[in-house]
């Protein structure tokens, strides 16, 4: 079972999008889970970036992925752990959906593709130099 604080409603997600794979209850559960992975802070959260819809659309295009995801969702015990194959898949899809969204790219990362760079230095972390 999900923690009580994580069981908030996401009616705007279900109402604004025509479901392709998920039932309304599954969509709400996915919205709750992705918001645990990328919560709203001073930047948009995963649901704000329409990650549940991204996952639903992506699953509608791949039968094997859909079956794997739905089996994992239906058997999910409420613990997000990298040792759990479903948790890992959910995290990967959440990150893909978030950082390919306008909210993830522009508001979280501050990326604006129309910026001209005279030089690109690559990663500036000390351990990557």
N, C-alpha and C. Protein backbone atom coordinates (compact mmCIF):
# COMPACT_ATOMS: atom_id res chain seq x y z
N UNK A 1 0.84 -1.18 0.00
CA UNK A 1 0.00 0.00 0.00
C UNK A 1 0.88 1.24 0.00
N UNK A 2 0.46 2.28 -0.68
CA UNK A 2 1.21 3.53 -0.73
C UNK A 2 1.01 4.31 0.56
N UNK A 3 2.01 5.11 0.97
CA UNK A 3 1.84 5.96 2.14
C UNK A 3 0.65 6.89 1.94
N UNK A 4 -0.03 7.22 3.05
CA UNK A 4 -1.22 8.07 2.97
C UNK A 4 -0.91 9.39 2.28
N UNK A 5 0.25 9.97 2.57
CA UNK A 5 0.62 11.26 1.97
C UNK A 5 0.78 11.14 0.45
N UNK A 6 1.09 9.96 -0.03
CA UNK A 6 1.30 9.77 -1.47
C UNK A 6 0.02 9.43 -2.21
N UNK A 7 -1.08 9.20 -1.49
CA UNK A 7 -2.31 8.78 -2.13
C UNK A 7 -3.21 9.96 -2.47
N UNK A 8 -2.64 11.07 -2.93
CA UNK A 8 -3.46 12.22 -3.29
C UNK A 8 -4.05 12.02 -4.68
N UNK A 9 -5.10 12.74 -4.95
CA UNK A 9 -5.83 12.60 -6.21
C UNK A 9 -5.17 13.40 -7.32
N UNK A 10 -5.32 12.93 -8.54
CA UNK A 10 -4.84 13.62 -9.74
C UNK A 10 -5.96 13.67 -10.77
N UNK A 11 -7.10 14.29 -10.43
CA UNK A 11 -8.22 14.28 -11.38
C UNK A 11 -7.91 15.00 -12.68
N UNK A 12 -7.05 16.03 -12.63
CA UNK A 12 -6.73 16.77 -13.84
C UNK A 12 -5.98 15.93 -14.85
N UNK A 13 -5.22 14.94 -14.38
CA UNK A 13 -4.49 14.07 -15.28
C UNK A 13 -5.47 13.18 -16.04
N UNK A 14 -6.40 12.58 -15.35
CA UNK A 14 -7.34 11.65 -15.96
C UNK A 14 -8.33 12.40 -16.84
N UNK A 15 -8.81 13.56 -16.41
CA UNK A 15 -9.84 14.30 -17.14
C UNK A 15 -9.32 14.92 -18.43
N UNK A 16 -8.07 15.31 -18.49
CA UNK A 16 -7.55 16.05 -19.63
C UNK A 16 -6.95 15.15 -20.71
N UNK A 17 -6.93 13.87 -20.51
CA UNK A 17 -6.23 12.96 -21.42
C UNK A 17 -7.10 11.73 -21.67
N UNK A 18 -7.17 11.28 -22.91
CA UNK A 18 -7.89 10.06 -23.24
C UNK A 18 -6.96 8.87 -23.05
N UNK A 19 -7.28 8.03 -22.10
CA UNK A 19 -6.43 6.89 -21.76
C UNK A 19 -6.34 5.90 -22.92
N UNK A 20 -5.15 5.36 -23.10
CA UNK A 20 -4.90 4.39 -24.15
C UNK A 20 -4.71 2.99 -23.58
N UNK A 21 -4.03 2.89 -22.45
CA UNK A 21 -3.71 1.60 -21.84
C UNK A 21 -4.26 1.51 -20.42
N UNK A 22 -4.02 2.51 -19.62
CA UNK A 22 -4.39 2.49 -18.21
C UNK A 22 -5.89 2.65 -18.00
N UNK A 23 -6.35 2.04 -16.92
CA UNK A 23 -7.69 2.36 -16.41
C UNK A 23 -7.56 3.66 -15.64
N UNK A 24 -8.66 4.33 -15.33
CA UNK A 24 -8.54 5.57 -14.53
C UNK A 24 -7.83 5.34 -13.19
N UNK A 25 -8.11 4.22 -12.52
CA UNK A 25 -7.44 3.94 -11.24
C UNK A 25 -5.94 3.71 -11.44
N UNK A 26 -5.57 3.00 -12.52
CA UNK A 26 -4.14 2.78 -12.80
C UNK A 26 -3.45 4.11 -13.10
N UNK A 27 -4.14 4.99 -13.83
CA UNK A 27 -3.56 6.29 -14.15
C UNK A 27 -3.30 7.08 -12.88
N UNK A 28 -4.25 7.06 -11.95
CA UNK A 28 -4.07 7.76 -10.68
C UNK A 28 -2.90 7.16 -9.89
N UNK A 29 -2.78 5.86 -9.91
CA UNK A 29 -1.69 5.20 -9.18
C UNK A 29 -0.34 5.55 -9.81
N UNK A 30 -0.27 5.52 -11.13
CA UNK A 30 0.97 5.89 -11.82
C UNK A 30 1.32 7.35 -11.51
N UNK A 31 0.33 8.24 -11.52
CA UNK A 31 0.57 9.65 -11.20
C UNK A 31 1.14 9.80 -9.80
N UNK A 32 0.60 9.06 -8.85
CA UNK A 32 1.11 9.11 -7.48
C UNK A 32 2.56 8.63 -7.43
N UNK A 33 2.85 7.53 -8.12
CA UNK A 33 4.20 6.97 -8.10
C UNK A 33 5.23 7.88 -8.77
N UNK A 34 4.88 8.43 -9.94
CA UNK A 34 5.86 9.29 -10.62
C UNK A 34 6.12 10.56 -9.81
N UNK A 35 5.09 11.02 -9.07
CA UNK A 35 5.29 12.20 -8.23
C UNK A 35 6.14 11.91 -7.00
N UNK A 36 6.24 10.66 -6.62
CA UNK A 36 7.18 10.28 -5.56
C UNK A 36 8.61 10.31 -6.10
N UNK A 37 8.76 9.98 -7.37
CA UNK A 37 10.09 9.97 -8.00
C UNK A 37 10.55 11.38 -8.32
N UNK A 38 9.70 12.18 -8.93
CA UNK A 38 10.02 13.59 -9.23
C UNK A 38 8.87 14.44 -8.69
N UNK A 39 8.97 14.84 -7.41
CA UNK A 39 7.90 15.64 -6.81
C UNK A 39 7.97 17.09 -7.25
N UNK A 40 6.87 17.79 -7.09
CA UNK A 40 6.83 19.23 -7.35
C UNK A 40 7.61 19.92 -6.23
N UNK A 41 8.53 20.77 -6.60
CA UNK A 41 9.28 21.60 -5.65
C UNK A 41 9.15 23.03 -6.16
N UNK A 42 10.27 23.71 -6.32
CA UNK A 42 10.22 25.02 -6.96
C UNK A 42 10.16 24.88 -8.48
N UNK A 43 10.21 23.66 -8.96
CA UNK A 43 10.02 23.34 -10.37
C UNK A 43 8.89 22.31 -10.48
N UNK A 44 8.32 22.13 -11.66
CA UNK A 44 7.21 21.20 -11.82
C UNK A 44 7.59 19.77 -11.46
N UNK A 45 6.60 19.02 -10.98
CA UNK A 45 6.78 17.60 -10.71
C UNK A 45 6.44 16.78 -11.94
N UNK A 46 6.56 15.47 -11.79
CA UNK A 46 6.34 14.57 -12.93
C UNK A 46 4.92 14.68 -13.50
N UNK A 47 3.92 14.77 -12.65
CA UNK A 47 2.55 14.90 -13.17
C UNK A 47 2.34 16.24 -13.86
N UNK A 48 2.99 17.28 -13.34
CA UNK A 48 2.90 18.59 -13.99
C UNK A 48 3.44 18.52 -15.42
N UNK A 49 4.43 17.65 -15.63
CA UNK A 49 5.05 17.48 -16.94
C UNK A 49 4.35 16.40 -17.77
N UNK A 50 3.22 15.93 -17.29
CA UNK A 50 2.40 14.94 -18.02
C UNK A 50 3.12 13.61 -18.23
N UNK A 51 3.92 13.22 -17.25
CA UNK A 51 4.64 11.95 -17.33
C UNK A 51 3.68 10.74 -17.35
N UNK A 52 2.59 10.73 -16.56
CA UNK A 52 1.69 9.58 -16.66
C UNK A 52 1.14 9.39 -18.08
N UNK A 53 0.81 10.48 -18.74
CA UNK A 53 0.32 10.40 -20.12
C UNK A 53 1.42 9.90 -21.05
N UNK A 54 2.65 10.36 -20.83
CA UNK A 54 3.80 9.90 -21.62
C UNK A 54 3.93 8.38 -21.50
N UNK A 55 3.85 7.87 -20.27
CA UNK A 55 3.99 6.43 -20.05
C UNK A 55 2.83 5.68 -20.72
N UNK A 56 1.63 6.18 -20.57
CA UNK A 56 0.47 5.54 -21.19
C UNK A 56 0.62 5.48 -22.71
N UNK A 57 1.04 6.58 -23.31
CA UNK A 57 1.25 6.60 -24.78
C UNK A 57 2.36 5.64 -25.18
N UNK A 58 3.45 5.64 -24.44
CA UNK A 58 4.58 4.77 -24.77
C UNK A 58 4.19 3.29 -24.67
N UNK A 59 3.41 2.95 -23.65
CA UNK A 59 2.96 1.57 -23.49
C UNK A 59 2.02 1.16 -24.61
N UNK A 60 1.25 2.10 -25.14
CA UNK A 60 0.31 1.78 -26.21
C UNK A 60 1.02 1.41 -27.51
N UNK A 61 2.29 1.74 -27.61
CA UNK A 61 3.07 1.48 -28.82
C UNK A 61 3.91 0.21 -28.76
N UNK A 62 3.95 -0.44 -27.59
CA UNK A 62 4.83 -1.60 -27.42
C UNK A 62 4.13 -2.63 -26.53
N UNK A 63 3.63 -3.67 -27.13
CA UNK A 63 2.85 -4.69 -26.41
C UNK A 63 3.67 -5.36 -25.31
N UNK A 64 4.91 -5.72 -25.59
CA UNK A 64 5.75 -6.39 -24.58
C UNK A 64 6.00 -5.47 -23.40
N UNK A 65 6.32 -4.21 -23.67
CA UNK A 65 6.55 -3.24 -22.60
C UNK A 65 5.27 -3.01 -21.80
N UNK A 66 4.15 -2.93 -22.50
CA UNK A 66 2.85 -2.75 -21.84
C UNK A 66 2.57 -3.91 -20.89
N UNK A 67 2.75 -5.14 -21.36
CA UNK A 67 2.48 -6.31 -20.52
C UNK A 67 3.40 -6.33 -19.30
N UNK A 68 4.67 -6.03 -19.51
CA UNK A 68 5.64 -6.02 -18.41
C UNK A 68 5.30 -4.93 -17.39
N UNK A 69 4.97 -3.74 -17.88
CA UNK A 69 4.67 -2.63 -16.99
C UNK A 69 3.39 -2.91 -16.19
N UNK A 70 2.32 -3.35 -16.86
CA UNK A 70 1.06 -3.60 -16.18
C UNK A 70 1.17 -4.72 -15.17
N UNK A 71 1.91 -5.77 -15.49
CA UNK A 71 2.12 -6.85 -14.52
C UNK A 71 2.86 -6.32 -13.30
N UNK A 72 3.86 -5.48 -13.53
CA UNK A 72 4.60 -4.89 -12.42
C UNK A 72 3.75 -3.95 -11.59
N UNK A 73 2.94 -3.14 -12.25
CA UNK A 73 2.07 -2.20 -11.55
C UNK A 73 1.05 -2.94 -10.70
N UNK A 74 0.47 -3.97 -11.24
CA UNK A 74 -0.57 -4.72 -10.53
C UNK A 74 0.00 -5.53 -9.37
N UNK A 75 1.27 -5.91 -9.45
CA UNK A 75 1.91 -6.66 -8.37
C UNK A 75 2.78 -5.81 -7.47
N UNK A 76 2.77 -4.49 -7.69
CA UNK A 76 3.65 -3.58 -6.95
C UNK A 76 3.28 -3.54 -5.47
N UNK A 77 4.30 -3.67 -4.63
CA UNK A 77 4.07 -3.71 -3.18
C UNK A 77 4.21 -2.35 -2.49
N UNK A 78 4.48 -1.30 -3.26
CA UNK A 78 4.56 0.04 -2.68
C UNK A 78 5.95 0.50 -2.32
N UNK A 79 6.96 -0.33 -2.57
CA UNK A 79 8.34 0.04 -2.23
C UNK A 79 9.12 0.30 -3.52
N UNK A 80 9.56 1.54 -3.71
CA UNK A 80 10.39 1.87 -4.87
C UNK A 80 11.83 1.51 -4.56
N UNK A 81 12.34 0.51 -5.23
CA UNK A 81 13.69 0.01 -4.99
C UNK A 81 14.32 -0.38 -6.32
N UNK A 82 15.60 -0.05 -6.50
CA UNK A 82 16.27 -0.41 -7.75
C UNK A 82 16.42 -1.91 -7.92
N UNK A 83 16.24 -2.68 -6.85
CA UNK A 83 16.31 -4.14 -6.97
C UNK A 83 15.01 -4.73 -7.51
N UNK A 84 13.94 -3.92 -7.54
CA UNK A 84 12.66 -4.35 -8.07
C UNK A 84 12.60 -3.97 -9.54
N UNK A 85 12.43 -4.96 -10.44
CA UNK A 85 12.41 -4.64 -11.88
C UNK A 85 11.34 -3.62 -12.27
N UNK A 86 10.16 -3.68 -11.65
CA UNK A 86 9.13 -2.70 -11.97
C UNK A 86 9.54 -1.31 -11.53
N UNK A 87 10.09 -1.19 -10.34
CA UNK A 87 10.54 0.12 -9.84
C UNK A 87 11.57 0.73 -10.78
N UNK A 88 12.49 -0.10 -11.23
CA UNK A 88 13.53 0.38 -12.14
C UNK A 88 12.92 0.84 -13.46
N UNK A 89 11.99 0.07 -14.02
CA UNK A 89 11.32 0.44 -15.26
C UNK A 89 10.53 1.74 -15.07
N UNK A 90 9.80 1.85 -13.97
CA UNK A 90 9.02 3.04 -13.68
C UNK A 90 9.93 4.27 -13.57
N UNK A 91 11.03 4.14 -12.87
CA UNK A 91 11.97 5.27 -12.72
C UNK A 91 12.54 5.68 -14.08
N UNK A 92 12.94 4.70 -14.89
CA UNK A 92 13.49 5.00 -16.21
C UNK A 92 12.47 5.73 -17.09
N UNK A 93 11.24 5.25 -17.08
CA UNK A 93 10.21 5.88 -17.92
C UNK A 93 9.83 7.26 -17.38
N UNK A 94 9.86 7.42 -16.07
CA UNK A 94 9.57 8.72 -15.46
C UNK A 94 10.63 9.73 -15.86
N UNK A 95 11.87 9.35 -15.78
CA UNK A 95 12.98 10.25 -16.14
C UNK A 95 12.92 10.58 -17.63
N UNK A 96 12.68 9.57 -18.47
CA UNK A 96 12.56 9.82 -19.91
C UNK A 96 11.43 10.80 -20.20
N UNK A 97 10.27 10.56 -19.61
CA UNK A 97 9.13 11.43 -19.85
C UNK A 97 9.34 12.84 -19.33
N UNK A 98 9.95 12.94 -18.15
CA UNK A 98 10.14 14.26 -17.54
C UNK A 98 11.15 15.10 -18.30
N UNK A 99 12.29 14.52 -18.60
CA UNK A 99 13.36 15.30 -19.22
C UNK A 99 13.23 15.43 -20.74
N UNK A 100 12.16 14.89 -21.31
CA UNK A 100 11.84 15.19 -22.70
C UNK A 100 10.62 16.10 -22.79
N UNK A 101 10.13 16.54 -21.64
CA UNK A 101 8.99 17.46 -21.61
C UNK A 101 9.48 18.90 -21.57
N UNK A 102 8.60 19.81 -21.92
CA UNK A 102 8.92 21.24 -21.84
C UNK A 102 9.26 21.63 -20.40
N UNK A 103 8.47 21.11 -19.45
CA UNK A 103 8.70 21.44 -18.04
C UNK A 103 10.08 20.96 -17.58
N UNK A 104 10.42 19.73 -17.94
CA UNK A 104 11.71 19.17 -17.52
C UNK A 104 12.89 19.87 -18.18
N UNK A 105 12.77 20.10 -19.48
CA UNK A 105 13.87 20.73 -20.22
C UNK A 105 14.07 22.21 -19.87
N UNK A 106 12.99 22.97 -19.91
CA UNK A 106 13.15 24.42 -19.76
C UNK A 106 13.10 24.89 -18.32
N UNK A 107 12.17 24.34 -17.52
CA UNK A 107 12.04 24.83 -16.15
C UNK A 107 13.00 24.16 -15.18
N UNK A 108 13.19 22.85 -15.31
CA UNK A 108 14.10 22.13 -14.41
C UNK A 108 15.56 22.32 -14.84
N UNK A 109 15.83 22.07 -16.11
CA UNK A 109 17.22 22.14 -16.59
C UNK A 109 17.62 23.52 -17.10
N UNK A 110 16.65 24.37 -17.38
CA UNK A 110 16.95 25.70 -17.89
C UNK A 110 17.47 25.69 -19.32
N UNK A 111 17.16 24.63 -20.07
CA UNK A 111 17.65 24.51 -21.44
C UNK A 111 16.72 25.24 -22.39
N UNK A 112 17.27 26.06 -23.22
CA UNK A 112 16.52 26.75 -24.26
C UNK A 112 17.31 26.54 -25.55
N UNK A 113 16.78 25.72 -26.42
CA UNK A 113 17.49 25.30 -27.61
C UNK A 113 17.88 26.40 -28.56
N UNK A 114 17.41 27.59 -28.32
CA UNK A 114 17.72 28.69 -29.22
C UNK A 114 18.93 29.50 -28.76
N UNK A 115 19.73 28.94 -27.86
CA UNK A 115 20.89 29.64 -27.33
C UNK A 115 22.13 29.29 -28.15
N UNK A 116 22.83 30.30 -28.61
CA UNK A 116 24.06 30.10 -29.36
C UNK A 116 25.23 29.99 -28.38
N UNK A 117 26.00 28.92 -28.52
CA UNK A 117 27.18 28.73 -27.68
C UNK A 117 28.43 28.91 -28.53
N UNK A 118 29.33 29.77 -28.11
CA UNK A 118 30.59 29.93 -28.84
C UNK A 118 31.55 28.80 -28.51
N UNK A 119 31.31 28.13 -27.38
CA UNK A 119 32.17 27.04 -26.94
C UNK A 119 31.33 26.10 -26.09
N UNK A 120 31.59 24.78 -26.18
CA UNK A 120 30.92 23.82 -25.33
C UNK A 120 32.00 23.04 -24.59
N UNK A 121 32.07 23.25 -23.29
CA UNK A 121 33.14 22.66 -22.49
C UNK A 121 32.82 21.24 -22.03
N UNK A 122 31.60 20.78 -22.20
CA UNK A 122 31.24 19.45 -21.73
C UNK A 122 31.01 19.47 -20.23
N UNK A 123 31.10 18.32 -19.62
CA UNK A 123 30.85 18.19 -18.19
C UNK A 123 31.97 18.89 -17.41
N UNK A 124 31.58 19.70 -16.42
CA UNK A 124 32.58 20.44 -15.65
C UNK A 124 32.79 19.88 -14.26
N UNK A 125 32.19 18.72 -13.95
CA UNK A 125 32.43 18.08 -12.65
C UNK A 125 33.90 17.65 -12.57
N UNK A 126 34.51 17.86 -11.43
CA UNK A 126 35.93 17.55 -11.25
C UNK A 126 36.25 16.10 -11.57
N UNK A 127 35.39 15.18 -11.21
CA UNK A 127 35.68 13.76 -11.45
C UNK A 127 35.48 13.34 -12.91
N UNK A 128 35.03 14.26 -13.78
CA UNK A 128 34.86 13.95 -15.20
C UNK A 128 35.88 14.67 -16.09
N UNK A 129 36.76 15.42 -15.49
CA UNK A 129 37.76 16.15 -16.30
C UNK A 129 38.94 15.30 -16.65
